[in-house]
Amino acid sequence: MRHRKHSNQLGVTKEHRSALLANLASSLIQSGRIRTTLKKAKALRPFIEKIITLAKRGDLHARRIAMARLRNKEALNILFDEKASDFVNRNGGYTRIYKLGDRRIGDAAEMALIEFVGADDEGYRKSRRSRGKAKATTKAKSEAPVAKEEVVEEVEVVEAETSEETEENAPEK
């Protein structure tokens, strides 16, 4: 019997749902955390946790099963080579869902953040883009003193020119 075997169907066909979950799981594996709707996050949790359990096994058969579900070779390699070792001593509960409390503008869907447990320890707080910006700002800081001196000199020259012009245009007493 099929009693109490309900999963989140997300209002789409089976093929669409499996592709959607595969894409969400790949994004989660590659970035460490993703922002999505609460329903999708709740549907993704059991899907990704079963794949992580396969990655903990680590054999060829488990890798092939995971590849059939994930459909992304790059994410699969990250999962089996890097992430699986993070969860060796953990028996389930690999992900965490945070309700964000805001709603999406188009359809008012409740938004959530899903991330791996231990994401705080591994530096997932900063996305790849923000890390790149941080590196760029440190480079700019090292070059900043030279640029400030040039700007200060230009400002002094401009102020001197404007003071001369105002003296020339001022009415004579």
N, C-alpha and C. Protein backbone atom coordinates (compact mmCIF):
# COMPACT_ATOMS: atom_id res chain seq x y z
N MET A 1 0.84 -1.19 0.00
CA MET A 1 0.00 0.00 0.00
C MET A 1 0.87 1.24 0.00
N ARG A 2 0.30 2.33 -0.44
CA ARG A 2 1.04 3.57 -0.57
C ARG A 2 0.66 4.59 0.51
N HIS A 3 0.11 4.15 1.59
CA HIS A 3 -0.35 5.07 2.62
C HIS A 3 0.82 5.83 3.24
N ARG A 4 0.62 7.13 3.46
CA ARG A 4 1.57 8.01 4.13
C ARG A 4 2.91 8.08 3.42
N LYS A 5 2.93 7.96 2.13
CA LYS A 5 4.16 8.05 1.36
C LYS A 5 4.15 9.29 0.48
N HIS A 6 3.54 10.35 0.97
CA HIS A 6 3.39 11.57 0.19
C HIS A 6 4.69 12.37 0.18
N SER A 7 5.05 12.89 -0.95
CA SER A 7 6.20 13.80 -1.04
C SER A 7 5.70 15.13 -1.59
N ASN A 8 6.52 16.14 -1.50
CA ASN A 8 6.16 17.45 -2.03
C ASN A 8 6.15 17.39 -3.55
N GLN A 9 4.98 17.55 -4.14
CA GLN A 9 4.88 17.41 -5.59
C GLN A 9 5.11 18.71 -6.33
N LEU A 10 5.04 19.84 -5.65
CA LEU A 10 5.36 21.16 -6.20
C LEU A 10 4.51 21.58 -7.38
N GLY A 11 3.45 20.88 -7.66
CA GLY A 11 2.54 21.28 -8.72
C GLY A 11 3.07 21.11 -10.13
N VAL A 12 4.02 20.21 -10.30
CA VAL A 12 4.60 19.97 -11.63
C VAL A 12 4.63 18.47 -11.90
N THR A 13 4.98 18.11 -13.11
CA THR A 13 5.05 16.70 -13.47
C THR A 13 6.28 16.05 -12.82
N LYS A 14 6.32 14.75 -12.86
CA LYS A 14 7.42 14.01 -12.24
C LYS A 14 8.76 14.37 -12.87
N GLU A 15 8.79 14.47 -14.19
CA GLU A 15 10.03 14.78 -14.89
C GLU A 15 10.52 16.18 -14.54
N HIS A 16 9.58 17.12 -14.51
CA HIS A 16 9.92 18.50 -14.16
C HIS A 16 10.43 18.58 -12.72
N ARG A 17 9.77 17.86 -11.83
CA ARG A 17 10.15 17.86 -10.42
C ARG A 17 11.55 17.27 -10.23
N SER A 18 11.85 16.18 -10.91
CA SER A 18 13.17 15.56 -10.75
C SER A 18 14.26 16.46 -11.32
N ALA A 19 13.99 17.15 -12.43
CA ALA A 19 14.97 18.09 -12.99
C ALA A 19 15.15 19.29 -12.07
N LEU A 20 14.06 19.78 -11.51
CA LEU A 20 14.12 20.92 -10.59
C LEU A 20 14.94 20.58 -9.36
N LEU A 21 14.69 19.43 -8.76
CA LEU A 21 15.43 19.02 -7.57
C LEU A 21 16.90 18.77 -7.89
N ALA A 22 17.19 18.22 -9.06
CA ALA A 22 18.58 18.01 -9.45
C ALA A 22 19.31 19.35 -9.59
N ASN A 23 18.66 20.34 -10.19
CA ASN A 23 19.29 21.65 -10.35
C ASN A 23 19.47 22.35 -9.00
N LEU A 24 18.46 22.27 -8.13
CA LEU A 24 18.59 22.88 -6.81
C LEU A 24 19.70 22.21 -6.01
N ALA A 25 19.78 20.89 -6.07
CA ALA A 25 20.81 20.17 -5.34
C ALA A 25 22.20 20.51 -5.86
N SER A 26 22.34 20.63 -7.16
CA SER A 26 23.64 21.00 -7.74
C SER A 26 24.06 22.39 -7.28
N SER A 27 23.12 23.32 -7.27
CA SER A 27 23.43 24.67 -6.82
C SER A 27 23.81 24.68 -5.34
N LEU A 28 23.11 23.90 -4.55
CA LEU A 28 23.40 23.83 -3.12
C LEU A 28 24.79 23.25 -2.87
N ILE A 29 25.13 22.22 -3.60
CA ILE A 29 26.45 21.59 -3.42
C ILE A 29 27.56 22.56 -3.84
N GLN A 30 27.36 23.27 -4.92
CA GLN A 30 28.41 24.15 -5.42
C GLN A 30 28.57 25.42 -4.59
N SER A 31 27.47 25.97 -4.07
CA SER A 31 27.60 27.23 -3.36
C SER A 31 27.49 27.11 -1.85
N GLY A 32 27.00 26.00 -1.33
CA GLY A 32 26.90 25.82 0.11
C GLY A 32 25.58 26.27 0.70
N ARG A 33 24.92 27.21 0.07
CA ARG A 33 23.59 27.66 0.52
C ARG A 33 22.89 28.31 -0.65
N ILE A 34 21.56 28.17 -0.68
CA ILE A 34 20.78 28.81 -1.73
C ILE A 34 19.52 29.41 -1.13
N ARG A 35 18.99 30.41 -1.81
CA ARG A 35 17.74 31.06 -1.41
C ARG A 35 16.67 30.63 -2.39
N THR A 36 15.61 30.04 -1.87
CA THR A 36 14.53 29.52 -2.71
C THR A 36 13.23 29.61 -1.92
N THR A 37 12.15 29.10 -2.50
CA THR A 37 10.89 29.12 -1.77
C THR A 37 10.91 28.05 -0.68
N LEU A 38 10.07 28.22 0.31
CA LEU A 38 10.02 27.29 1.42
C LEU A 38 9.60 25.90 0.96
N LYS A 39 8.64 25.81 0.06
CA LYS A 39 8.18 24.51 -0.45
C LYS A 39 9.30 23.77 -1.17
N LYS A 40 10.05 24.50 -2.00
CA LYS A 40 11.16 23.85 -2.72
C LYS A 40 12.26 23.42 -1.76
N ALA A 41 12.52 24.23 -0.75
CA ALA A 41 13.54 23.87 0.24
C ALA A 41 13.13 22.61 1.00
N LYS A 42 11.86 22.52 1.36
CA LYS A 42 11.37 21.33 2.07
C LYS A 42 11.39 20.10 1.17
N ALA A 43 11.18 20.28 -0.13
CA ALA A 43 11.25 19.16 -1.06
C ALA A 43 12.70 18.75 -1.32
N LEU A 44 13.60 19.72 -1.27
CA LEU A 44 15.01 19.46 -1.56
C LEU A 44 15.70 18.72 -0.42
N ARG A 45 15.28 18.97 0.81
CA ARG A 45 15.98 18.40 1.97
C ARG A 45 16.11 16.88 1.91
N PRO A 46 15.02 16.10 1.76
CA PRO A 46 15.21 14.64 1.72
C PRO A 46 15.97 14.18 0.48
N PHE A 47 15.82 14.90 -0.62
CA PHE A 47 16.52 14.54 -1.86
C PHE A 47 18.03 14.65 -1.67
N ILE A 48 18.48 15.78 -1.14
CA ILE A 48 19.93 16.00 -1.01
C ILE A 48 20.52 15.14 0.10
N GLU A 49 19.74 14.87 1.15
CA GLU A 49 20.29 14.07 2.24
C GLU A 49 20.51 12.62 1.82
N LYS A 50 19.66 12.10 0.97
CA LYS A 50 19.88 10.75 0.45
C LYS A 50 21.13 10.69 -0.43
N ILE A 51 21.36 11.75 -1.19
CA ILE A 51 22.55 11.79 -2.05
C ILE A 51 23.82 11.92 -1.20
N ILE A 52 23.75 12.69 -0.12
CA ILE A 52 24.92 12.82 0.76
C ILE A 52 25.23 11.48 1.42
N THR A 53 24.19 10.74 1.78
CA THR A 53 24.40 9.41 2.36
C THR A 53 25.08 8.49 1.35
N LEU A 54 24.72 8.61 0.09
CA LEU A 54 25.41 7.84 -0.96
C LEU A 54 26.88 8.28 -1.06
N ALA A 55 27.12 9.57 -0.96
CA ALA A 55 28.49 10.09 -1.06
C ALA A 55 29.35 9.60 0.11
N LYS A 56 28.74 9.41 1.26
CA LYS A 56 29.49 8.89 2.40
C LYS A 56 29.93 7.45 2.16
N ARG A 57 29.12 6.69 1.41
CA ARG A 57 29.54 5.33 1.06
C ARG A 57 30.77 5.37 0.17
N GLY A 58 30.73 6.23 -0.84
CA GLY A 58 31.91 6.51 -1.64
C GLY A 58 32.30 5.50 -2.70
N ASP A 59 31.59 4.39 -2.84
CA ASP A 59 31.99 3.41 -3.85
C ASP A 59 31.45 3.79 -5.23
N LEU A 60 31.85 3.04 -6.22
CA LEU A 60 31.50 3.35 -7.60
C LEU A 60 30.00 3.26 -7.83
N HIS A 61 29.36 2.26 -7.26
CA HIS A 61 27.92 2.10 -7.44
C HIS A 61 27.16 3.29 -6.86
N ALA A 62 27.57 3.76 -5.69
CA ALA A 62 26.94 4.92 -5.07
C ALA A 62 27.15 6.17 -5.93
N ARG A 63 28.33 6.30 -6.51
CA ARG A 63 28.62 7.44 -7.38
C ARG A 63 27.73 7.43 -8.62
N ARG A 64 27.50 6.26 -9.18
CA ARG A 64 26.66 6.17 -10.37
C ARG A 64 25.19 6.46 -10.06
N ILE A 65 24.71 5.99 -8.92
CA ILE A 65 23.34 6.30 -8.51
C ILE A 65 23.18 7.80 -8.29
N ALA A 66 24.15 8.40 -7.62
CA ALA A 66 24.10 9.85 -7.36
C ALA A 66 24.16 10.63 -8.67
N MET A 67 24.95 10.17 -9.61
CA MET A 67 25.05 10.86 -10.91
C MET A 67 23.72 10.80 -11.66
N ALA A 68 23.02 9.68 -11.54
CA ALA A 68 21.72 9.54 -12.19
C ALA A 68 20.71 10.53 -11.62
N ARG A 69 20.85 10.85 -10.34
CA ARG A 69 19.92 11.79 -9.71
C ARG A 69 20.36 13.24 -9.83
N LEU A 70 21.65 13.50 -9.69
CA LEU A 70 22.16 14.88 -9.72
C LEU A 70 22.27 15.46 -11.13
N ARG A 71 22.77 14.66 -12.05
CA ARG A 71 22.91 15.06 -13.47
C ARG A 71 23.93 16.17 -13.69
N ASN A 72 24.83 16.37 -12.75
CA ASN A 72 25.84 17.42 -12.90
C ASN A 72 27.17 16.85 -12.39
N LYS A 73 28.08 16.62 -13.33
CA LYS A 73 29.33 15.96 -13.00
C LYS A 73 30.19 16.81 -12.06
N GLU A 74 30.17 18.13 -12.28
CA GLU A 74 30.97 19.03 -11.45
C GLU A 74 30.50 19.00 -9.98
N ALA A 75 29.19 19.07 -9.78
CA ALA A 75 28.63 19.02 -8.43
C ALA A 75 28.89 17.65 -7.80
N LEU A 76 28.80 16.60 -8.60
CA LEU A 76 29.04 15.25 -8.09
C LEU A 76 30.47 15.11 -7.59
N ASN A 77 31.43 15.63 -8.33
CA ASN A 77 32.83 15.55 -7.91
C ASN A 77 33.07 16.34 -6.63
N ILE A 78 32.46 17.51 -6.52
CA ILE A 78 32.60 18.31 -5.30
C ILE A 78 32.02 17.53 -4.11
N LEU A 79 30.86 16.94 -4.31
CA LEU A 79 30.19 16.22 -3.23
C LEU A 79 31.01 15.02 -2.78
N PHE A 80 31.46 14.20 -3.70
CA PHE A 80 32.15 12.97 -3.33
C PHE A 80 33.58 13.23 -2.85
N ASP A 81 34.25 14.22 -3.42
CA ASP A 81 35.65 14.45 -3.09
C ASP A 81 35.84 15.36 -1.87
N GLU A 82 34.98 16.38 -1.71
CA GLU A 82 35.20 17.36 -0.66
C GLU A 82 34.16 17.29 0.46
N LYS A 83 32.90 17.33 0.11
CA LYS A 83 31.84 17.46 1.11
C LYS A 83 31.59 16.18 1.90
N ALA A 84 31.76 15.03 1.30
CA ALA A 84 31.45 13.77 1.98
C ALA A 84 32.29 13.60 3.24
N SER A 85 33.52 14.07 3.21
CA SER A 85 34.39 13.94 4.39
C SER A 85 33.91 14.83 5.54
N ASP A 86 33.17 15.90 5.25
CA ASP A 86 32.64 16.78 6.30
C ASP A 86 31.54 16.11 7.10
N PHE A 87 30.86 15.12 6.51
CA PHE A 87 29.69 14.51 7.14
C PHE A 87 29.93 13.07 7.58
N VAL A 88 31.18 12.64 7.64
CA VAL A 88 31.47 11.24 7.97
C VAL A 88 30.94 10.87 9.35
N ASN A 89 31.08 11.74 10.33
CA ASN A 89 30.67 11.44 11.70
C ASN A 89 29.24 11.85 12.00
N ARG A 90 28.48 12.22 11.00
CA ARG A 90 27.12 12.71 11.21
C ARG A 90 26.14 11.72 10.59
N ASN A 91 25.11 11.34 11.34
CA ASN A 91 24.12 10.38 10.84
C ASN A 91 22.84 11.11 10.46
N GLY A 92 22.83 11.77 9.34
CA GLY A 92 21.64 12.47 8.87
C GLY A 92 21.61 13.90 9.37
N GLY A 93 20.62 14.65 8.90
CA GLY A 93 20.49 16.05 9.30
C GLY A 93 21.60 16.90 8.73
N TYR A 94 21.89 16.75 7.45
CA TYR A 94 23.01 17.45 6.83
C TYR A 94 22.65 18.87 6.41
N THR A 95 21.36 19.19 6.34
CA THR A 95 20.95 20.51 5.88
C THR A 95 20.12 21.22 6.94
N ARG A 96 20.05 22.53 6.79
CA ARG A 96 19.29 23.38 7.70
C ARG A 96 18.47 24.34 6.85
N ILE A 97 17.22 24.58 7.25
CA ILE A 97 16.36 25.51 6.52
C ILE A 97 16.01 26.67 7.44
N TYR A 98 16.25 27.88 6.94
CA TYR A 98 15.86 29.10 7.65
C TYR A 98 14.71 29.75 6.90
N LYS A 99 13.63 30.06 7.60
CA LYS A 99 12.57 30.85 6.98
C LYS A 99 13.03 32.30 7.00
N LEU A 100 12.95 32.95 5.86
CA LEU A 100 13.45 34.33 5.78
C LEU A 100 12.42 35.35 6.22
N GLY A 101 11.15 35.00 6.21
CA GLY A 101 10.13 35.93 6.69
C GLY A 101 9.64 36.90 5.64
N ASP A 102 10.31 36.99 4.52
CA ASP A 102 9.81 37.86 3.45
C ASP A 102 9.14 37.01 2.39
N ARG A 103 8.46 37.68 1.51
CA ARG A 103 7.75 36.98 0.45
C ARG A 103 8.22 37.49 -0.90
N ARG A 104 8.19 36.59 -1.89
CA ARG A 104 8.61 36.96 -3.24
C ARG A 104 7.61 37.94 -3.82
N ILE A 105 8.09 38.90 -4.57
CA ILE A 105 7.24 39.97 -5.06
C ILE A 105 6.19 39.48 -6.05
N GLY A 106 6.54 38.62 -6.97
CA GLY A 106 5.62 38.22 -8.02
C GLY A 106 4.42 37.43 -7.55
N ASP A 107 4.63 36.44 -6.69
CA ASP A 107 3.53 35.56 -6.30
C ASP A 107 3.37 35.42 -4.79
N ALA A 108 4.10 36.20 -4.01
CA ALA A 108 4.02 36.20 -2.55
C ALA A 108 4.36 34.84 -1.95
N ALA A 109 5.26 34.08 -2.60
CA ALA A 109 5.69 32.80 -2.05
C ALA A 109 6.65 33.06 -0.90
N GLU A 110 6.52 32.27 0.17
CA GLU A 110 7.38 32.43 1.33
C GLU A 110 8.79 31.95 0.98
N MET A 111 9.80 32.75 1.29
CA MET A 111 11.17 32.44 0.92
C MET A 111 11.92 31.80 2.09
N ALA A 112 12.91 30.99 1.76
CA ALA A 112 13.72 30.31 2.77
C ALA A 112 15.14 30.20 2.28
N LEU A 113 16.03 29.93 3.21
CA LEU A 113 17.44 29.72 2.92
C LEU A 113 17.76 28.31 3.35
N ILE A 114 18.33 27.51 2.45
CA ILE A 114 18.74 26.15 2.81
C ILE A 114 20.25 26.08 2.67
N GLU A 115 20.90 25.50 3.69
CA GLU A 115 22.35 25.42 3.69
C GLU A 115 22.77 24.13 4.36
N PHE A 116 24.04 23.78 4.17
CA PHE A 116 24.59 22.62 4.84
C PHE A 116 24.85 22.96 6.30
N VAL A 117 24.66 21.99 7.18
CA VAL A 117 25.01 22.18 8.59
C VAL A 117 26.53 22.29 8.66
N GLY A 118 27.00 23.23 9.44
CA GLY A 118 28.44 23.48 9.49
C GLY A 118 28.86 24.51 8.48
N ALA A 119 27.91 25.15 7.82
CA ALA A 119 28.25 26.15 6.82
C ALA A 119 28.90 27.36 7.46
N ASP A 120 28.55 27.66 8.74
CA ASP A 120 29.15 28.79 9.43
C ASP A 120 30.65 28.55 9.63
N ASP A 121 31.03 27.31 9.90
CA ASP A 121 32.42 26.99 10.17
C ASP A 121 33.27 27.00 8.91
N GLU A 122 32.67 26.74 7.76
CA GLU A 122 33.44 26.55 6.54
C GLU A 122 33.51 27.78 5.66
N GLY A 123 33.03 28.92 6.12
CA GLY A 123 33.17 30.14 5.35
C GLY A 123 32.14 30.31 4.27
N TYR A 124 30.95 29.72 4.43
CA TYR A 124 29.91 29.91 3.43
C TYR A 124 29.20 31.24 3.61
N ARG A 125 29.50 31.96 4.68
CA ARG A 125 28.83 33.23 4.92
C ARG A 125 29.04 34.20 3.77
N LYS A 126 30.24 34.19 3.22
CA LYS A 126 30.53 35.08 2.10
C LYS A 126 30.38 34.30 0.81
N SER A 127 29.65 34.85 -0.11
CA SER A 127 29.52 34.17 -1.39
C SER A 127 30.79 34.39 -2.19
N ARG A 128 30.91 33.71 -3.30
CA ARG A 128 32.11 33.86 -4.14
C ARG A 128 32.24 35.29 -4.63
N ARG A 129 31.15 35.92 -4.93
CA ARG A 129 31.20 37.29 -5.43
C ARG A 129 31.72 38.24 -4.37
N SER A 130 31.26 38.09 -3.14
CA SER A 130 31.71 39.00 -2.09
C SER A 130 33.18 38.77 -1.76
N ARG A 131 33.67 37.53 -1.85
CA ARG A 131 35.09 37.28 -1.63
C ARG A 131 35.91 37.99 -2.69
N GLY A 132 35.44 37.98 -3.92
CA GLY A 132 36.15 38.68 -5.00
C GLY A 132 36.18 40.17 -4.75
N LYS A 133 35.08 40.72 -4.25
CA LYS A 133 35.04 42.15 -3.94
C LYS A 133 35.98 42.47 -2.79
N ALA A 134 36.07 41.59 -1.82
CA ALA A 134 36.95 41.82 -0.69
C ALA A 134 38.40 41.87 -1.16
N LYS A 135 38.77 40.98 -2.07
CA LYS A 135 40.13 41.00 -2.60
C LYS A 135 40.37 42.28 -3.39
N ALA A 136 39.38 42.70 -4.15
CA ALA A 136 39.53 43.92 -4.95
C ALA A 136 39.68 45.14 -4.04
N THR A 137 38.98 45.19 -2.92
CA THR A 137 39.09 46.34 -2.02
C THR A 137 40.44 46.36 -1.33
N THR A 138 41.02 45.19 -1.03
CA THR A 138 42.34 45.19 -0.41
C THR A 138 43.38 45.69 -1.40
N LYS A 139 43.22 45.35 -2.67
CA LYS A 139 44.14 45.87 -3.68
C LYS A 139 43.98 47.37 -3.82
N ALA A 140 42.74 47.84 -3.78
CA ALA A 140 42.49 49.27 -3.91
C ALA A 140 43.03 50.02 -2.70
N LYS A 141 42.98 49.42 -1.51
CA LYS A 141 43.51 50.07 -0.31
C LYS A 141 45.01 50.25 -0.41
N SER A 142 45.70 49.26 -0.98
CA SER A 142 47.15 49.40 -1.11
C SER A 142 47.52 50.50 -2.09
N GLU A 143 46.67 50.74 -3.07
CA GLU A 143 46.93 51.79 -4.04
C GLU A 143 46.30 53.11 -3.63
N ALA A 144 45.45 53.11 -2.63
CA ALA A 144 44.68 54.29 -2.26
C ALA A 144 45.52 55.48 -1.80
N PRO A 145 46.60 55.33 -0.98
CA PRO A 145 47.34 56.51 -0.54
C PRO A 145 47.91 57.33 -1.69
N VAL A 146 48.39 56.67 -2.73
CA VAL A 146 48.91 57.40 -3.87
C VAL A 146 47.79 58.17 -4.56
N ALA A 147 46.66 57.54 -4.70
CA ALA A 147 45.54 58.19 -5.37
C ALA A 147 45.03 59.36 -4.53
N LYS A 148 45.02 59.26 -3.20
CA LYS A 148 44.53 60.34 -2.36
C LYS A 148 45.42 61.57 -2.48
N GLU A 149 46.74 61.37 -2.53
CA GLU A 149 47.66 62.51 -2.65
C GLU A 149 47.41 63.26 -3.95
N GLU A 150 47.21 62.50 -5.03
CA GLU A 150 46.94 63.14 -6.32
C GLU A 150 45.64 63.92 -6.27
N VAL A 151 44.62 63.36 -5.64
CA VAL A 151 43.33 64.03 -5.56
C VAL A 151 43.44 65.28 -4.71
N VAL A 152 44.18 65.23 -3.61
CA VAL A 152 44.34 66.38 -2.74
C VAL A 152 45.02 67.51 -3.49
N GLU A 153 46.06 67.21 -4.26
CA GLU A 153 46.76 68.24 -5.04
C GLU A 153 45.82 68.87 -6.07
N GLU A 154 45.00 68.03 -6.73
CA GLU A 154 44.08 68.57 -7.72
C GLU A 154 43.04 69.46 -7.08
N VAL A 155 42.57 69.10 -5.89
CA VAL A 155 41.57 69.91 -5.19
C VAL A 155 42.17 71.26 -4.80
N GLU A 156 43.41 71.28 -4.34
CA GLU A 156 44.07 72.53 -3.96
C GLU A 156 44.23 73.43 -5.17
N VAL A 157 44.59 72.86 -6.31
CA VAL A 157 44.76 73.65 -7.53
C VAL A 157 43.42 74.23 -7.96
N VAL A 158 42.37 73.44 -7.90
CA VAL A 158 41.04 73.90 -8.29
C VAL A 158 40.58 75.00 -7.34
N GLU A 159 40.83 74.85 -6.03
CA GLU A 159 40.43 75.87 -5.08
C GLU A 159 41.19 77.17 -5.33
N ALA A 160 42.46 77.06 -5.67
CA ALA A 160 43.25 78.26 -5.95
C ALA A 160 42.72 78.98 -7.18
N GLU A 161 42.37 78.22 -8.21
CA GLU A 161 41.83 78.83 -9.44
C GLU A 161 40.50 79.50 -9.18
N THR A 162 39.64 78.88 -8.41
CA THR A 162 38.33 79.48 -8.14
C THR A 162 38.46 80.72 -7.28
N SER A 163 39.41 80.77 -6.35
CA SER A 163 39.59 81.96 -5.53
C SER A 163 40.10 83.13 -6.36
N GLU A 164 40.97 82.85 -7.36
CA GLU A 164 41.46 83.91 -8.25
C GLU A 164 40.33 84.44 -9.12
N GLU A 165 39.45 83.54 -9.60
CA GLU A 165 38.34 83.95 -10.45
C GLU A 165 37.35 84.80 -9.68
N THR A 166 37.10 84.48 -8.44
CA THR A 166 36.15 85.26 -7.65
C THR A 166 36.72 86.64 -7.33
N GLU A 167 38.03 86.74 -7.18
CA GLU A 167 38.65 88.04 -6.94
C GLU A 167 38.54 88.91 -8.17
N GLU A 168 38.69 88.31 -9.36
CA GLU A 168 38.61 89.08 -10.60
C GLU A 168 37.19 89.55 -10.86
N ASN A 169 36.20 88.72 -10.59
CA ASN A 169 34.80 89.05 -10.87
C ASN A 169 34.16 89.86 -9.75
N ALA A 170 34.83 90.01 -8.64
CA ALA A 170 34.22 90.73 -7.54
C ALA A 170 34.13 92.21 -7.88
N PRO A 171 33.07 92.88 -7.46
CA PRO A 171 32.95 94.31 -7.75
C PRO A 171 34.01 95.11 -6.97
N GLU A 172 34.52 96.14 -7.63
CA GLU A 172 35.55 96.95 -7.01
C GLU A 172 34.94 97.88 -5.99
N LYS A 173 35.66 98.10 -4.90
CA LYS A 173 35.17 98.95 -3.84
C LYS A 173 35.77 100.32 -3.92
